[in-house]
């Protein structure tokens, strides 16, 4: 880990619009520089070149979970846009002597006449700082962002807005949460399931729910299991067709599938495939990751085979692959409970119970409700 320290007085802020198709619809103060100048931050607005984008991607991959990555951002913007919702993002990048030391993104969506910031799958999140960025400057940036979000919410006539924090570092109270609660934010707590991939594989496996062990053994005997980790268009089309058959209709645009296939080709995603002895594809699960954390993206299984062990053996194979790729954590997802303030559905509670049988850790998911006076 780097011990480099960055001086306070060399920082500047650059605003990059990932997607400009909504710019004309946004209130002026969303893209106006005066707010940031008032907080002592110089600002410029420009498009990123290849070198800047590479540097920013490195910060977001190495210092945050997958849900903070550009890949996750790109996918969700396209997913929401495919539902006839205008979705856009503005990325703010902080530089020190031409080096990116922090990033923060703000996502917007517009449906009919309603404009919201924060979209499904992409709530407002704290900024990401490069290791070595001085605490004093981190606090300065977070205060400016909190003030900025309050200003935008007030402009849009909102009484509150929400942000979320989750991950292995959420076991301690962050500076973001402390600053927000000082300003009157209310905190709600959910639960997120993780596997510590630094553990020995056999130790992880021995931690599984007892009933899963025989199901995994049966699944290993029943299915032919393989990994799709290259841009194999024919196999990818099989996965898409299975999704269509299981869902009964097309629920995602072709562009979202293309984005994920590009991630597979780039070595940032893979698919665990289950086939019958006849070679029929009966199950597929997509997993994505950055350099720090992997995540369970989606699972697709033939409904008529739900009485057989499908997801159990997929999780085992995914854990092996994520460990092989050198990741530190595997994020399984939410663990909803009856009576939780997150108000999970019965289906979400059931899925969370299934995932809990694999988890080594449960970390808090903090949802902050920021009040607008």
Protein backbone atom coordinates (compact mmCIF):
# COMPACT_ATOMS: atom_id res chain seq x y z
CA UNK A 1 0.00 0.00 0.00
CA UNK A 2 1.32 3.42 -0.96
CA UNK A 3 2.26 5.88 1.81
CA UNK A 4 2.34 8.84 -0.58
CA UNK A 5 0.71 11.98 0.86
CA UNK A 6 -0.78 14.69 -1.32
CA UNK A 7 -0.67 18.41 -0.38
CA UNK A 8 -3.93 20.31 0.14
CA UNK A 9 -3.21 23.31 -2.01
CA UNK A 10 -2.55 21.48 -5.27
CA UNK A 11 -6.05 20.12 -5.84
CA UNK A 12 -8.38 21.08 -8.65
CA UNK A 13 -11.74 19.69 -9.71
CA UNK A 14 -12.62 18.56 -13.20
CA UNK A 15 -16.21 17.81 -14.17
CA UNK A 16 -16.72 15.24 -16.89
CA UNK A 17 -20.15 14.53 -18.31
CA UNK A 18 -20.37 10.84 -19.19
CA UNK A 19 -23.55 11.39 -21.12
CA UNK A 20 -24.59 14.81 -22.34
CA UNK A 21 -28.01 13.93 -23.71
CA UNK A 22 -29.71 15.23 -20.55
CA UNK A 23 -27.65 18.38 -20.03
CA UNK A 24 -30.26 20.69 -21.50
CA UNK A 25 -32.90 19.26 -19.14
CA UNK A 26 -30.93 19.74 -15.93
CA UNK A 27 -31.38 22.72 -13.60
CA UNK A 28 -28.58 25.24 -14.21
CA UNK A 29 -27.00 24.81 -10.79
CA UNK A 30 -26.43 21.08 -11.36
CA UNK A 31 -23.71 21.84 -13.89
CA UNK A 32 -22.80 25.33 -12.69
CA UNK A 33 -19.32 25.80 -11.22
CA UNK A 34 -20.15 28.49 -8.65
CA UNK A 35 -21.00 26.02 -5.86
CA UNK A 36 -17.61 24.34 -6.02
CA UNK A 37 -15.74 27.63 -6.22
CA UNK A 38 -17.51 28.73 -3.02
CA UNK A 39 -16.03 25.66 -1.32
CA UNK A 40 -12.51 26.58 -2.40
CA UNK A 41 -12.24 24.21 -5.35
CA UNK A 42 -11.01 25.38 -8.73
CA UNK A 43 -13.04 23.86 -11.52
CA UNK A 44 -12.81 23.16 -15.19
CA UNK A 45 -15.16 21.26 -17.49
CA UNK A 46 -13.71 19.06 -20.21
CA UNK A 47 -13.88 15.69 -21.87
CA UNK A 48 -11.50 12.99 -20.73
CA UNK A 49 -8.79 11.69 -22.98
CA UNK A 50 -7.61 8.09 -22.87
CA UNK A 51 -4.91 8.70 -20.24
CA UNK A 52 -7.29 10.44 -17.81
CA UNK A 53 -9.96 7.76 -18.24
CA UNK A 54 -7.39 5.03 -17.59
CA UNK A 55 -6.22 6.79 -14.42
CA UNK A 56 -9.77 7.31 -13.18
CA UNK A 57 -10.67 3.69 -13.87
CA UNK A 58 -7.65 2.61 -11.83
CA UNK A 59 -8.78 4.66 -8.82
CA UNK A 60 -12.31 3.27 -9.05
CA UNK A 61 -11.17 -0.34 -9.49
CA UNK A 62 -8.55 -0.43 -6.75
CA UNK A 63 -10.17 1.65 -4.05
CA UNK A 64 -13.86 0.76 -4.14
CA UNK A 65 -16.34 -2.04 -4.62
CA UNK A 66 -17.63 -3.14 -8.00
CA UNK A 67 -20.82 -1.09 -7.65
CA UNK A 68 -18.63 2.05 -7.79
CA UNK A 69 -16.97 0.99 -11.04
CA UNK A 70 -17.39 2.54 -14.47
CA UNK A 71 -18.62 -0.84 -15.73
CA UNK A 72 -21.51 -0.88 -13.26
CA UNK A 73 -22.28 2.76 -14.08
CA UNK A 74 -22.31 2.14 -17.81
CA UNK A 75 -24.56 -0.91 -17.51
CA UNK A 76 -27.17 0.77 -15.30
CA UNK A 77 -27.36 3.93 -17.38
CA UNK A 78 -28.08 1.82 -20.44
CA UNK A 79 -30.53 -0.41 -18.54
CA UNK A 80 -32.60 2.54 -17.32
CA UNK A 81 -32.45 4.26 -20.71
CA UNK A 82 -33.80 1.09 -22.37
CA UNK A 83 -36.99 1.54 -20.28
CA UNK A 84 -37.69 4.91 -21.92
CA UNK A 85 -36.19 6.71 -18.93
CA UNK A 86 -33.60 9.40 -19.58
CA UNK A 87 -30.58 8.39 -17.52
CA UNK A 88 -27.33 10.29 -17.30
CA UNK A 89 -24.28 10.75 -15.11
CA UNK A 90 -21.77 13.45 -14.36
CA UNK A 91 -18.38 12.37 -13.04
CA UNK A 92 -16.34 14.72 -10.87
CA UNK A 93 -12.61 14.00 -10.75
CA UNK A 94 -10.12 15.64 -8.40
CA UNK A 95 -6.54 16.14 -9.49
CA UNK A 96 -3.27 16.75 -7.70
CA UNK A 97 -0.43 17.81 -9.98
CA UNK A 98 -2.14 16.17 -12.98
CA UNK A 99 -2.81 12.97 -11.04
CA UNK A 100 -6.37 11.85 -10.24
CA UNK A 101 -6.72 11.37 -6.49
CA UNK A 102 -10.50 11.18 -6.09
CA UNK A 103 -13.67 10.60 -8.10
CA UNK A 104 -17.37 11.03 -7.45
CA UNK A 105 -20.31 10.44 -9.75
CA UNK A 106 -23.86 11.77 -9.69
CA UNK A 107 -26.52 9.89 -11.64
CA UNK A 108 -29.78 11.41 -12.83
CA UNK A 109 -32.95 10.02 -14.30
CA UNK A 110 -35.97 11.69 -15.83
CA UNK A 111 -39.31 10.04 -16.47
CA UNK A 112 -42.13 12.20 -17.79
CA UNK A 113 -41.56 15.53 -16.02
CA UNK A 114 -39.96 14.11 -12.87
CA UNK A 115 -36.21 14.54 -12.41
CA UNK A 116 -34.42 12.50 -9.73
CA UNK A 117 -30.80 12.11 -8.74
CA UNK A 118 -29.69 8.65 -7.82
CA UNK A 119 -31.19 5.82 -9.90
CA UNK A 120 -32.06 2.15 -9.16
CA UNK A 121 -28.83 0.24 -8.65
CA UNK A 122 -26.90 3.53 -8.39
CA UNK A 123 -27.83 5.46 -5.24
CA UNK A 124 -25.78 8.49 -4.25
CA UNK A 125 -22.51 7.23 -2.79
CA UNK A 126 -19.52 8.86 -1.05
CA UNK A 127 -16.54 9.88 -3.19
CA UNK A 128 -13.66 7.46 -3.79
CA UNK A 129 -10.22 8.61 -2.67
CA UNK A 130 -6.83 7.33 -3.69
CA UNK A 131 -4.91 5.90 -0.74
CA UNK A 132 -2.72 8.67 0.70
CA UNK A 133 -5.17 11.55 0.17
CA UNK A 134 -5.03 13.71 3.30
CA UNK A 135 -8.03 13.39 5.69
CA UNK A 136 -8.45 17.17 5.79
CA UNK A 137 -8.95 17.36 2.06
CA UNK A 138 -11.27 14.35 2.09
CA UNK A 139 -13.46 16.15 4.61
CA UNK A 140 -13.42 19.33 2.51
CA UNK A 141 -14.59 17.43 -0.57
CA UNK A 142 -17.31 15.51 1.30
CA UNK A 143 -18.69 18.68 2.84
CA UNK A 144 -18.84 20.28 -0.61
CA UNK A 145 -20.64 17.24 -2.05
CA UNK A 146 -23.18 17.09 0.79
CA UNK A 147 -23.89 20.79 0.35
CA UNK A 148 -24.16 20.30 -3.41
CA UNK A 149 -26.70 17.47 -3.07
CA UNK A 150 -28.76 19.50 -0.59
CA UNK A 151 -28.77 22.41 -3.04
CA UNK A 152 -29.92 20.19 -5.93
CA UNK A 153 -32.62 18.52 -3.82
CA UNK A 154 -33.88 21.93 -2.75
CA UNK A 155 -33.97 23.08 -6.39
CA UNK A 156 -36.01 19.99 -7.31
CA UNK A 157 -38.45 20.58 -4.44
CA UNK A 158 -37.38 17.48 -2.48
CA UNK A 159 -37.74 17.19 1.29
CA UNK A 160 -34.97 14.60 1.51
CA UNK A 161 -32.49 12.61 -0.54
CA UNK A 162 -30.71 9.34 0.19
CA UNK A 163 -27.20 7.98 -0.01
CA UNK A 164 -25.82 4.52 0.73
CA UNK A 165 -22.61 2.93 1.98
CA UNK A 166 -21.85 -0.77 1.92
CA UNK A 167 -18.87 -3.10 1.89
CA UNK A 168 -16.12 -4.50 4.08
CA UNK A 169 -15.13 -0.99 5.20
CA UNK A 170 -18.68 -0.22 6.39
CA UNK A 171 -18.00 -2.05 9.67
CA UNK A 172 -16.70 1.26 11.02
CA UNK A 173 -18.54 4.58 10.92
CA UNK A 174 -17.22 6.60 8.00
CA UNK A 175 -16.44 10.30 7.86
CA UNK A 176 -19.24 10.62 5.28
CA UNK A 177 -21.78 9.30 7.78
CA UNK A 178 -20.45 11.47 10.61
CA UNK A 179 -20.64 14.63 8.49
CA UNK A 180 -24.11 13.71 7.22
CA UNK A 181 -25.57 12.96 10.65
CA UNK A 182 -24.18 16.26 11.96
CA UNK A 183 -26.37 17.86 9.29
CA UNK A 184 -29.43 15.91 10.46
CA UNK A 185 -29.34 12.78 8.28
CA UNK A 186 -31.21 9.74 9.60
CA UNK A 187 -29.48 6.35 9.37
CA UNK A 188 -31.13 3.05 8.42
CA UNK A 189 -29.25 -0.25 8.50
CA UNK A 190 -29.55 -3.24 6.20
CA UNK A 191 -27.35 -6.32 5.83
CA UNK A 192 -25.00 -7.34 3.01
CA UNK A 193 -23.51 -10.82 2.55
CA UNK A 194 -19.86 -11.36 1.63
CA UNK A 195 -17.29 -14.14 1.28
CA UNK A 196 -13.70 -13.49 2.33
CA UNK A 197 -11.73 -14.84 -0.61
CA UNK A 198 -8.42 -14.59 1.26
CA UNK A 199 -9.50 -17.67 3.22
CA UNK A 200 -8.40 -21.12 2.11
CA UNK A 201 -10.92 -22.57 -0.36
CA UNK A 202 -11.60 -25.61 1.79
CA UNK A 203 -12.18 -23.34 4.81
CA UNK A 204 -14.76 -21.35 2.80
CA UNK A 205 -16.45 -24.56 1.68
CA UNK A 206 -16.56 -26.01 5.19
CA UNK A 207 -18.38 -22.84 6.28
CA UNK A 208 -21.33 -23.52 3.92
CA UNK A 209 -24.71 -24.35 5.40
CA UNK A 210 -24.66 -28.05 6.30
CA UNK A 211 -27.56 -28.97 3.99
CA UNK A 212 -25.71 -27.49 0.99
CA UNK A 213 -22.88 -29.99 1.03
CA UNK A 214 -24.89 -32.96 -0.24
CA UNK A 215 -26.67 -30.72 -2.77
CA UNK A 216 -23.35 -29.52 -4.15
CA UNK A 217 -22.09 -33.10 -4.48
CA UNK A 218 -25.29 -34.06 -6.33
CA UNK A 219 -24.97 -31.03 -8.59
CA UNK A 220 -21.37 -31.92 -9.45
CA UNK A 221 -22.56 -35.38 -10.55
CA UNK A 222 -25.65 -34.11 -12.42
CA UNK A 223 -24.38 -31.18 -14.51
CA UNK A 224 -21.51 -30.44 -16.83
CA UNK A 225 -20.02 -27.22 -15.46
CA UNK A 226 -17.89 -24.79 -17.44
CA UNK A 227 -16.73 -21.16 -17.46
CA UNK A 228 -17.32 -18.70 -20.29
CA UNK A 229 -14.46 -16.20 -20.08
CA UNK A 230 -13.94 -15.27 -23.74
CA UNK A 231 -16.04 -13.46 -26.33
CA UNK A 232 -17.80 -16.59 -27.61
CA UNK A 233 -20.80 -15.08 -29.41
CA UNK A 234 -22.52 -18.43 -30.04
CA UNK A 235 -22.50 -19.39 -26.36
CA UNK A 236 -23.49 -15.85 -25.36
CA UNK A 237 -26.53 -16.09 -27.64
CA UNK A 238 -27.46 -19.33 -25.85
CA UNK A 239 -27.38 -17.46 -22.52
CA UNK A 240 -29.55 -14.66 -23.93
CA UNK A 241 -32.05 -17.18 -25.31
CA UNK A 242 -32.23 -18.98 -21.95
CA UNK A 243 -32.94 -15.65 -20.26
CA UNK A 244 -35.72 -14.93 -22.75
CA UNK A 245 -37.27 -18.37 -22.23
CA UNK A 246 -37.16 -18.13 -18.43
CA UNK A 247 -38.44 -14.53 -18.26
CA UNK A 248 -41.06 -15.11 -20.94
CA UNK A 249 -40.24 -11.79 -22.61
CA UNK A 250 -37.28 -9.53 -23.36
CA UNK A 251 -36.58 -7.55 -20.18
CA UNK A 252 -33.24 -6.03 -21.21
CA UNK A 253 -31.97 -4.26 -24.28
CA UNK A 254 -29.45 -5.86 -26.63
CA UNK A 255 -27.03 -3.07 -25.68
CA UNK A 256 -26.94 -4.17 -22.01
CA UNK A 257 -26.04 -7.68 -23.17
CA UNK A 258 -23.36 -6.25 -25.47
CA UNK A 259 -21.87 -4.30 -22.55
CA UNK A 260 -21.63 -7.45 -20.44
CA UNK A 261 -20.06 -9.45 -23.28
CA UNK A 262 -17.44 -6.72 -23.62
CA UNK A 263 -16.74 -7.11 -19.89
CA UNK A 264 -16.27 -10.86 -20.37
CA UNK A 265 -13.85 -10.19 -23.21
CA UNK A 266 -11.95 -7.65 -21.06
CA UNK A 267 -11.51 -10.18 -18.25
CA UNK A 268 -13.87 -8.33 -15.87
CA UNK A 269 -16.79 -10.77 -16.03
CA UNK A 270 -17.38 -14.47 -16.53
CA UNK A 271 -20.33 -16.84 -16.81
CA UNK A 272 -20.76 -20.16 -15.02
CA UNK A 273 -22.63 -22.52 -17.38
CA UNK A 274 -24.59 -25.65 -16.45
CA UNK A 275 -25.41 -28.19 -19.14
CA UNK A 276 -27.29 -31.47 -19.06
CA UNK A 277 -25.63 -34.71 -20.16
CA UNK A 278 -27.18 -34.04 -23.60
CA UNK A 279 -25.45 -30.65 -23.80
CA UNK A 280 -28.57 -28.52 -23.21
CA UNK A 281 -27.93 -25.25 -21.38
CA UNK A 282 -30.06 -25.40 -18.21
CA UNK A 283 -28.45 -22.66 -16.13
CA UNK A 284 -26.13 -19.66 -16.38
CA UNK A 285 -24.92 -17.10 -13.87
CA UNK A 286 -23.00 -13.91 -14.64
CA UNK A 287 -20.34 -12.62 -12.25
CA UNK A 288 -18.50 -9.29 -12.56
CA UNK A 289 -15.59 -7.75 -10.69
CA UNK A 290 -12.94 -5.08 -10.42
CA UNK A 291 -9.51 -5.61 -8.88
CA UNK A 292 -10.89 -5.76 -5.33
CA UNK A 293 -14.39 -7.22 -5.30
CA UNK A 294 -16.52 -9.65 -7.27
CA UNK A 295 -20.30 -9.58 -7.38
CA UNK A 296 -23.11 -11.96 -8.30
CA UNK A 297 -24.80 -10.17 -11.19
CA UNK A 298 -27.63 -12.47 -12.25
CA UNK A 299 -28.65 -16.12 -12.36
CA UNK A 300 -30.80 -17.79 -15.04
CA UNK A 301 -32.15 -21.30 -14.51
CA UNK A 302 -34.81 -23.44 -16.14
CA UNK A 303 -37.81 -23.23 -13.82
CA UNK A 304 -38.85 -26.85 -14.33
CA UNK A 305 -35.52 -27.95 -12.81
CA UNK A 306 -35.79 -25.97 -9.57
CA UNK A 307 -36.16 -29.23 -7.64
CA UNK A 308 -32.56 -30.03 -8.60
CA UNK A 309 -29.38 -28.38 -7.23
CA UNK A 310 -28.57 -25.60 -9.69
CA UNK A 311 -27.48 -22.45 -7.85
CA UNK A 312 -25.49 -24.32 -5.21
CA UNK A 313 -22.88 -25.74 -7.56
CA UNK A 314 -22.76 -22.45 -9.52
CA UNK A 315 -21.75 -20.57 -6.38
CA UNK A 316 -19.03 -23.08 -5.60
CA UNK A 317 -17.54 -22.78 -9.08
CA UNK A 318 -17.77 -18.97 -9.00
CA UNK A 319 -15.89 -18.82 -5.70
CA UNK A 320 -13.10 -20.91 -7.20
CA UNK A 321 -12.87 -18.62 -10.23
CA UNK A 322 -12.94 -15.39 -8.20
CA UNK A 323 -10.15 -16.73 -5.99
CA UNK A 324 -8.16 -17.74 -9.07
CA UNK A 325 -8.47 -14.14 -10.31
CA UNK A 326 -6.96 -12.85 -7.07
CA UNK A 327 -9.92 -10.92 -5.64
CA UNK A 328 -10.26 -10.08 -1.94
CA UNK A 329 -14.05 -10.17 -1.48
CA UNK A 330 -17.08 -11.71 -3.13
CA UNK A 331 -20.27 -9.70 -2.63
CA UNK A 332 -23.25 -12.08 -2.58
CA UNK A 333 -25.87 -9.37 -2.08
CA UNK A 334 -28.58 -8.27 0.33
CA UNK A 335 -29.80 -10.33 3.27
CA UNK A 336 -33.31 -9.05 3.80
CA UNK A 337 -35.09 -9.77 7.07
CA UNK A 338 -38.74 -9.59 8.03
CA UNK A 339 -39.29 -6.22 9.67
CA UNK A 340 -36.19 -4.64 8.13
CA UNK A 341 -36.42 -0.90 7.43
CA UNK A 342 -35.28 -1.77 3.88
CA UNK A 343 -38.70 -3.46 3.46
CA UNK A 344 -37.64 -6.51 1.41
CA UNK A 345 -40.22 -8.64 -0.42
CA UNK A 346 -40.81 -12.30 0.46
CA UNK A 347 -38.85 -13.30 -2.64
CA UNK A 348 -35.91 -11.09 -1.64
CA UNK A 349 -35.93 -12.59 1.87
CA UNK A 350 -35.92 -16.10 0.38
CA UNK A 351 -33.04 -15.30 -2.00
CA UNK A 352 -31.10 -13.68 0.86
CA UNK A 353 -31.56 -16.79 3.00
CA UNK A 354 -30.16 -18.94 0.17
CA UNK A 355 -27.09 -16.70 -0.22
CA UNK A 356 -26.53 -16.55 3.54
CA UNK A 357 -25.71 -20.26 3.44
CA UNK A 358 -22.46 -19.43 1.61
CA UNK A 359 -21.41 -16.21 3.38
CA UNK A 360 -18.44 -15.81 5.70
CA UNK A 361 -19.33 -12.21 6.69
CA UNK A 362 -22.34 -9.93 7.07
CA UNK A 363 -21.58 -6.22 6.77
CA UNK A 364 -23.94 -3.31 7.38
CA UNK A 365 -25.53 -1.43 4.51
CA UNK A 366 -26.12 2.13 5.66
CA UNK A 367 -28.88 4.14 4.03
CA UNK A 368 -28.72 7.80 5.00
CA UNK A 369 -31.81 9.96 4.62
CA UNK A 370 -30.60 13.53 4.27
CA UNK A 371 -33.17 16.07 5.43
CA UNK A 372 -33.73 19.33 3.55
CA UNK A 373 -34.62 22.25 5.80
